[in-house]
Amino acid sequence: MPDKTLNVKGLLCPLPILKAKKVLSELPKGATLEVLATDPAAVRDFAAFSAATGNALIEHSESDGVYRFVLQHSGGGRRGSS
């Protein structure tokens, strides 16, 4: 069960990512955040966000137009930039 749930249904890119980033920054390392979104672009956006930040995307599913993501907070900032 996630430590916190964020409902961003009805919001379009980039708002779901921005709101998730803010909530994750307030959670302790290792905590999980469930995000509920309706923007189809969120699938691509959360995969890219996970890769860029190191916050693990540990679950992803879709049901009746609602996309569910579970992210685990890495406790760090942005990973390697070259």
Protein backbone atom coordinates (compact mmCIF):
# COMPACT_ATOMS: atom_id res chain seq x y z
CA MET A 1 0.00 0.00 0.00
CA PRO A 2 1.44 3.41 -0.98
CA ASP A 3 2.45 5.90 1.70
CA LYS A 4 0.59 8.72 -0.06
CA THR A 5 -1.84 9.12 -2.99
CA LEU A 6 -1.88 12.06 -5.38
CA ASN A 7 -4.97 12.58 -7.55
CA VAL A 8 -4.09 14.56 -10.68
CA LYS A 9 -7.02 13.35 -12.78
CA GLY A 10 -8.08 16.00 -15.29
CA LEU A 11 -4.69 17.73 -15.32
CA LEU A 12 -2.51 17.80 -18.43
CA CYS A 13 1.24 17.69 -18.90
CA PRO A 14 3.33 18.99 -17.22
CA LEU A 15 1.14 19.43 -14.12
CA PRO A 16 0.97 15.74 -13.05
CA ILE A 17 4.79 15.51 -13.06
CA LEU A 18 5.27 18.85 -11.30
CA LYS A 19 2.80 17.96 -8.56
CA ALA A 20 4.32 14.48 -8.12
CA LYS A 21 7.82 15.97 -7.90
CA LYS A 22 6.69 18.34 -5.13
CA VAL A 23 4.98 15.59 -3.12
CA LEU A 24 7.94 13.21 -3.52
CA SER A 25 10.31 15.89 -2.22
CA GLU A 26 8.26 15.98 0.99
CA LEU A 27 8.38 12.20 1.53
CA PRO A 28 11.21 10.31 3.25
CA LYS A 29 13.62 8.15 1.26
CA GLY A 30 12.02 4.82 0.36
CA ALA A 31 8.43 6.09 0.71
CA THR A 32 5.98 5.34 -2.08
CA LEU A 33 3.66 7.70 -3.92
CA GLU A 34 0.61 6.54 -5.85
CA VAL A 35 -0.36 8.92 -8.68
CA LEU A 36 -3.76 8.75 -10.40
CA ALA A 37 -3.89 10.53 -13.77
CA THR A 38 -6.09 10.69 -16.84
CA ASP A 39 -3.64 12.28 -19.31
CA PRO A 40 -2.44 9.55 -21.72
CA ALA A 41 0.89 11.40 -22.02
CA ALA A 42 1.50 10.61 -18.34
CA VAL A 43 2.66 7.09 -19.31
CA ARG A 44 5.62 8.48 -21.23
CA ASP A 45 6.13 11.37 -18.81
CA PHE A 46 6.38 9.25 -15.65
CA ALA A 47 8.76 6.78 -17.32
CA ALA A 48 11.03 9.69 -18.32
CA PHE A 49 10.68 11.30 -14.88
CA SER A 50 11.70 8.07 -13.19
CA ALA A 51 14.75 7.66 -15.41
CA ALA A 52 15.83 11.29 -14.96
CA THR A 53 15.39 11.48 -11.18
CA GLY A 54 16.17 7.96 -9.98
CA ASN A 55 12.76 7.64 -8.32
CA ALA A 56 11.77 4.07 -9.16
CA LEU A 57 8.54 3.52 -11.10
CA ILE A 58 7.55 0.33 -9.30
CA GLU A 59 4.00 -0.04 -10.66
CA HIS A 60 2.03 1.18 -13.62
CA SER A 61 -1.47 0.23 -14.73
CA GLU A 62 -4.51 1.61 -16.56
CA SER A 63 -8.18 1.00 -15.92
CA ASP A 64 -11.12 2.82 -17.50
CA GLY A 65 -8.94 5.73 -18.62
CA VAL A 66 -7.25 6.21 -15.26
CA TYR A 67 -3.51 5.68 -15.20
CA ARG A 68 -2.01 4.56 -11.90
CA PHE A 69 1.67 4.96 -11.13
CA VAL A 70 3.53 4.04 -7.97
CA LEU A 71 6.87 5.75 -7.49
CA GLN A 72 9.43 5.04 -4.78
CA HIS A 73 11.33 8.08 -3.54
CA SER A 74 15.06 7.70 -4.05
CA GLY A 75 15.88 10.37 -1.51
CA GLY A 76 18.24 12.03 -3.94
CA GLY A 77 18.17 14.74 -6.56
CA ARG A 78 18.71 14.54 -10.27
CA ARG A 79 21.01 11.74 -11.41
CA GLY A 80 24.08 12.26 -13.60
CA SER A 81 23.96 15.04 -16.13
CA SER A 82 26.43 15.08 -18.97
